[in-house]
């Protein structure tokens, strides 16, 4: 399953459960529990939005510094250099082992 879909589904399920708990706490006139559910909902929404907003890949520091140094030396953008490096890596994975000898 796609991680973004799993994140959305989990967040939606949690939000529904939290809203039900909030409504139940309000109906029972339990202010403390209602406030707790409201704060949890705010946290779940914030975590969901931040996880879905990040579309970049986290790199190891040595790879990021290599991209920066190489980009500066060649004049190529970091994005183009990274894309080219990933394409080369993928091509190496898809080659037949007999062809590499």
N, C-alpha and C. Protein backbone atom coordinates (compact mmCIF):
# COMPACT_ATOMS: atom_id res chain seq x y z
N UNK A 1 0.85 -1.18 0.00
CA UNK A 1 0.00 0.00 0.00
C UNK A 1 0.89 1.24 0.00
N UNK A 2 0.45 2.22 -0.71
CA UNK A 2 1.15 3.49 -0.79
C UNK A 2 1.19 4.14 0.60
N UNK A 3 2.38 4.58 1.06
CA UNK A 3 2.46 5.17 2.39
C UNK A 3 1.59 6.42 2.56
N UNK A 4 1.42 7.19 1.51
CA UNK A 4 0.59 8.39 1.62
C UNK A 4 -0.88 8.01 1.84
N UNK A 5 -1.33 6.95 1.17
CA UNK A 5 -2.71 6.50 1.35
C UNK A 5 -2.89 5.94 2.75
N UNK A 6 -1.89 5.19 3.22
CA UNK A 6 -1.96 4.63 4.57
C UNK A 6 -1.99 5.75 5.61
N UNK A 7 -1.19 6.79 5.40
CA UNK A 7 -1.18 7.93 6.32
C UNK A 7 -2.53 8.63 6.34
N UNK A 8 -3.10 8.84 5.16
CA UNK A 8 -4.40 9.50 5.09
C UNK A 8 -5.49 8.65 5.75
N UNK A 9 -5.47 7.35 5.49
CA UNK A 9 -6.49 6.47 6.06
C UNK A 9 -6.38 6.40 7.58
N UNK A 10 -5.15 6.29 8.08
CA UNK A 10 -4.94 6.23 9.52
C UNK A 10 -5.35 7.54 10.18
N UNK A 11 -4.98 8.64 9.57
CA UNK A 11 -5.33 9.95 10.12
C UNK A 11 -6.83 10.17 10.12
N UNK A 12 -7.49 9.76 9.06
CA UNK A 12 -8.93 9.92 8.99
C UNK A 12 -9.62 9.08 10.07
N UNK A 13 -9.15 7.84 10.25
CA UNK A 13 -9.71 6.98 11.28
C UNK A 13 -9.52 7.58 12.67
N UNK A 14 -8.30 8.06 12.94
CA UNK A 14 -8.03 8.69 14.24
C UNK A 14 -8.89 9.94 14.43
N UNK A 15 -9.03 10.74 13.39
CA UNK A 15 -9.83 11.96 13.49
C UNK A 15 -11.29 11.64 13.81
N UNK A 16 -11.83 10.60 13.16
CA UNK A 16 -13.22 10.22 13.42
C UNK A 16 -13.38 9.76 14.87
N UNK A 17 -12.45 8.92 15.34
CA UNK A 17 -12.52 8.44 16.72
C UNK A 17 -12.39 9.60 17.72
N UNK A 18 -11.52 10.53 17.43
CA UNK A 18 -11.33 11.68 18.32
C UNK A 18 -12.56 12.57 18.34
N UNK A 19 -13.17 12.80 17.18
CA UNK A 19 -14.38 13.62 17.13
C UNK A 19 -15.52 12.95 17.90
N UNK A 20 -15.65 11.63 17.76
CA UNK A 20 -16.68 10.91 18.52
C UNK A 20 -16.43 11.06 20.01
N UNK A 21 -15.17 10.91 20.44
CA UNK A 21 -14.83 11.08 21.84
C UNK A 21 -15.10 12.50 22.32
N UNK A 22 -14.80 13.48 21.48
CA UNK A 22 -15.04 14.88 21.82
C UNK A 22 -16.53 15.14 22.02
N UNK A 23 -17.33 14.67 21.07
CA UNK A 23 -18.79 14.87 21.14
C UNK A 23 -19.34 14.19 22.39
N UNK A 24 -18.87 12.97 22.67
CA UNK A 24 -19.33 12.26 23.86
C UNK A 24 -18.95 13.03 25.14
N UNK A 25 -17.74 13.56 25.17
CA UNK A 25 -17.30 14.32 26.35
C UNK A 25 -18.12 15.59 26.52
N UNK A 26 -18.45 16.26 25.42
CA UNK A 26 -19.26 17.48 25.50
C UNK A 26 -20.67 17.14 25.98
N UNK A 27 -21.24 16.05 25.46
CA UNK A 27 -22.60 15.66 25.87
C UNK A 27 -22.65 15.29 27.34
N UNK A 28 -21.55 14.71 27.87
CA UNK A 28 -21.50 14.35 29.29
C UNK A 28 -21.06 15.52 30.17
N UNK A 29 -20.84 16.66 29.55
CA UNK A 29 -20.41 17.87 30.25
C UNK A 29 -19.08 17.66 30.98
N UNK A 30 -18.16 16.97 30.30
CA UNK A 30 -16.82 16.70 30.85
C UNK A 30 -15.83 17.60 30.09
N UNK A 31 -15.62 18.79 30.58
CA UNK A 31 -14.82 19.80 29.89
C UNK A 31 -13.37 19.37 29.73
N UNK A 32 -12.80 18.78 30.76
CA UNK A 32 -11.39 18.37 30.70
C UNK A 32 -11.14 17.36 29.60
N UNK A 33 -12.01 16.37 29.50
CA UNK A 33 -11.86 15.35 28.45
C UNK A 33 -12.09 15.95 27.07
N UNK A 34 -13.03 16.87 26.96
CA UNK A 34 -13.30 17.51 25.67
C UNK A 34 -12.08 18.31 25.21
N UNK A 35 -11.46 19.02 26.13
CA UNK A 35 -10.26 19.79 25.79
C UNK A 35 -9.13 18.83 25.38
N UNK A 36 -8.99 17.73 26.09
CA UNK A 36 -7.97 16.74 25.74
C UNK A 36 -8.18 16.20 24.33
N UNK A 37 -9.41 15.84 24.00
CA UNK A 37 -9.71 15.35 22.65
C UNK A 37 -9.43 16.42 21.60
N UNK A 38 -9.76 17.66 21.90
CA UNK A 38 -9.49 18.75 20.96
C UNK A 38 -7.99 18.92 20.72
N UNK A 39 -7.20 18.85 21.78
CA UNK A 39 -5.75 18.98 21.63
C UNK A 39 -5.16 17.80 20.85
N UNK A 40 -5.67 16.61 21.12
CA UNK A 40 -5.18 15.44 20.38
C UNK A 40 -5.52 15.58 18.90
N UNK A 41 -6.72 16.07 18.60
CA UNK A 41 -7.12 16.27 17.21
C UNK A 41 -6.20 17.27 16.51
N UNK A 42 -5.88 18.36 17.18
CA UNK A 42 -4.97 19.35 16.60
C UNK A 42 -3.61 18.70 16.31
N UNK A 43 -3.12 17.88 17.24
CA UNK A 43 -1.84 17.21 17.04
C UNK A 43 -1.86 16.23 15.88
N UNK A 44 -2.94 15.46 15.77
CA UNK A 44 -3.06 14.49 14.67
C UNK A 44 -3.11 15.21 13.33
N UNK A 45 -3.88 16.29 13.26
CA UNK A 45 -3.97 17.06 12.02
C UNK A 45 -2.61 17.65 11.65
N UNK A 46 -1.91 18.21 12.63
CA UNK A 46 -0.59 18.80 12.36
C UNK A 46 0.41 17.75 11.89
N UNK A 47 0.44 16.60 12.54
CA UNK A 47 1.35 15.54 12.12
C UNK A 47 1.01 15.02 10.73
N UNK A 48 -0.27 14.90 10.44
CA UNK A 48 -0.69 14.41 9.13
C UNK A 48 -0.29 15.39 8.03
N UNK A 49 -0.55 16.67 8.25
CA UNK A 49 -0.21 17.66 7.24
C UNK A 49 1.30 17.74 7.02
N UNK A 50 2.07 17.65 8.09
CA UNK A 50 3.52 17.74 7.93
C UNK A 50 4.07 16.50 7.23
N UNK A 51 3.51 15.33 7.50
CA UNK A 51 4.02 14.13 6.86
C UNK A 51 3.61 14.07 5.39
N UNK A 52 2.44 14.59 5.06
CA UNK A 52 2.01 14.58 3.67
C UNK A 52 2.66 15.69 2.86
N UNK A 53 3.06 16.77 3.52
CA UNK A 53 3.67 17.90 2.81
C UNK A 53 5.10 17.60 2.40
N UNK A 54 5.77 16.75 3.12
CA UNK A 54 7.17 16.47 2.79
C UNK A 54 7.24 15.50 1.62
N UNK A 55 7.75 15.99 0.51
CA UNK A 55 7.85 15.15 -0.68
C UNK A 55 9.30 14.87 -1.04
N UNK A 56 10.21 15.33 -0.23
CA UNK A 56 11.61 15.13 -0.54
C UNK A 56 12.14 13.87 0.15
N UNK A 57 13.26 13.42 -0.33
CA UNK A 57 13.92 12.25 0.23
C UNK A 57 15.03 12.74 1.14
N UNK A 58 15.14 12.17 2.32
CA UNK A 58 16.19 12.54 3.24
C UNK A 58 17.47 11.80 2.86
N UNK A 59 18.53 12.55 2.66
CA UNK A 59 19.81 11.97 2.26
C UNK A 59 20.76 11.90 3.44
N UNK A 60 21.68 10.98 3.36
CA UNK A 60 22.76 10.96 4.33
C UNK A 60 23.58 12.23 4.13
N UNK A 61 24.23 12.67 5.21
CA UNK A 61 25.01 13.93 5.13
C UNK A 61 26.13 13.85 4.11
N UNK A 62 26.80 12.71 4.04
CA UNK A 62 27.92 12.61 3.09
C UNK A 62 27.44 12.69 1.65
N UNK A 63 26.26 12.13 1.36
CA UNK A 63 25.73 12.22 0.00
C UNK A 63 25.28 13.64 -0.33
N UNK A 64 24.67 14.30 0.64
CA UNK A 64 24.24 15.69 0.42
C UNK A 64 25.45 16.59 0.19
N UNK A 65 26.51 16.39 0.97
CA UNK A 65 27.70 17.23 0.77
C UNK A 65 28.38 16.90 -0.56
N UNK A 66 28.35 15.63 -0.98
CA UNK A 66 28.91 15.26 -2.28
C UNK A 66 28.12 15.95 -3.39
N UNK A 67 26.79 15.96 -3.28
CA UNK A 67 25.97 16.64 -4.28
C UNK A 67 26.30 18.13 -4.32
N UNK A 68 26.45 18.76 -3.17
CA UNK A 68 26.78 20.18 -3.12
C UNK A 68 28.14 20.46 -3.75
N UNK A 69 29.17 19.67 -3.37
CA UNK A 69 30.52 19.88 -3.92
C UNK A 69 30.56 19.65 -5.42
N UNK A 70 29.94 18.56 -5.86
CA UNK A 70 29.96 18.24 -7.29
C UNK A 70 29.17 19.26 -8.09
N UNK A 71 28.06 19.71 -7.54
CA UNK A 71 27.25 20.72 -8.21
C UNK A 71 28.04 22.02 -8.39
N UNK A 72 28.76 22.40 -7.33
CA UNK A 72 29.57 23.61 -7.41
C UNK A 72 30.68 23.45 -8.44
N UNK A 73 31.30 22.29 -8.49
CA UNK A 73 32.42 22.06 -9.40
C UNK A 73 31.97 21.99 -10.86
N UNK A 74 30.80 21.38 -11.11
CA UNK A 74 30.36 21.19 -12.49
C UNK A 74 29.42 22.27 -12.99
N UNK A 75 28.83 23.05 -12.06
CA UNK A 75 27.87 24.07 -12.47
C UNK A 75 26.48 23.50 -12.73
N UNK A 76 26.32 22.23 -12.49
CA UNK A 76 25.03 21.56 -12.68
C UNK A 76 24.19 21.75 -11.41
N UNK A 77 22.88 21.85 -11.55
CA UNK A 77 22.04 22.01 -10.36
C UNK A 77 22.05 20.73 -9.54
N UNK A 78 21.81 20.89 -8.24
CA UNK A 78 21.79 19.74 -7.34
C UNK A 78 20.68 18.77 -7.75
N UNK A 79 19.53 19.29 -8.16
CA UNK A 79 18.42 18.44 -8.57
C UNK A 79 18.78 17.62 -9.81
N UNK A 80 19.39 18.27 -10.80
CA UNK A 80 19.77 17.56 -12.02
C UNK A 80 20.85 16.51 -11.72
N UNK A 81 21.81 16.88 -10.91
CA UNK A 81 22.87 15.95 -10.55
C UNK A 81 22.32 14.75 -9.79
N UNK A 82 21.42 15.00 -8.85
CA UNK A 82 20.80 13.91 -8.10
C UNK A 82 19.97 13.01 -8.99
N UNK A 83 19.22 13.60 -9.91
CA UNK A 83 18.41 12.80 -10.83
C UNK A 83 19.29 11.93 -11.72
N UNK A 84 20.40 12.51 -12.18
CA UNK A 84 21.31 11.74 -13.03
C UNK A 84 21.95 10.60 -12.25
N UNK A 85 22.32 10.83 -11.01
CA UNK A 85 22.93 9.79 -10.18
C UNK A 85 21.94 8.66 -9.92
N UNK A 86 20.70 9.00 -9.64
CA UNK A 86 19.69 7.97 -9.39
C UNK A 86 19.42 7.19 -10.67
N UNK A 87 19.37 7.87 -11.81
CA UNK A 87 19.15 7.17 -13.08
C UNK A 87 20.27 6.18 -13.36
N UNK A 88 21.50 6.59 -13.09
CA UNK A 88 22.64 5.68 -13.28
C UNK A 88 22.55 4.48 -12.36
N UNK A 89 22.17 4.71 -11.13
CA UNK A 89 22.03 3.62 -10.18
C UNK A 89 20.95 2.66 -10.63
N UNK A 90 19.82 3.19 -11.06
CA UNK A 90 18.73 2.32 -11.54
C UNK A 90 19.16 1.52 -12.76
N UNK A 91 19.89 2.16 -13.65
CA UNK A 91 20.36 1.44 -14.84
C UNK A 91 21.29 0.30 -14.44
N UNK A 92 22.09 0.51 -13.42
CA UNK A 92 22.97 -0.55 -12.95
C UNK A 92 22.20 -1.72 -12.35
N UNK A 93 21.07 -1.43 -11.73
CA UNK A 93 20.25 -2.49 -11.15
C UNK A 93 19.53 -3.30 -12.22
N UNK A 94 19.17 -2.64 -13.31
CA UNK A 94 18.35 -3.33 -14.31
C UNK A 94 19.16 -4.07 -15.36
N UNK A 95 20.48 -3.93 -15.35
CA UNK A 95 21.30 -4.63 -16.34
C UNK A 95 21.40 -6.11 -16.00
N UNK A 96 21.53 -6.91 -17.04
CA UNK A 96 21.69 -8.34 -16.87
C UNK A 96 23.10 -8.61 -16.37
N UNK A 97 23.28 -9.46 -15.32
CA UNK A 97 24.61 -9.71 -14.77
C UNK A 97 25.59 -10.24 -15.82
N UNK A 98 25.11 -10.94 -16.83
CA UNK A 98 26.00 -11.46 -17.86
C UNK A 98 26.60 -10.34 -18.67
N UNK A 99 25.85 -9.25 -18.88
CA UNK A 99 26.34 -8.11 -19.65
C UNK A 99 27.42 -7.34 -18.91
N UNK A 100 27.48 -7.45 -17.57
CA UNK A 100 28.44 -6.67 -16.79
C UNK A 100 29.83 -7.30 -16.76
N UNK A 101 29.96 -8.53 -17.22
CA UNK A 101 31.27 -9.20 -17.18
C UNK A 101 32.17 -8.77 -18.30
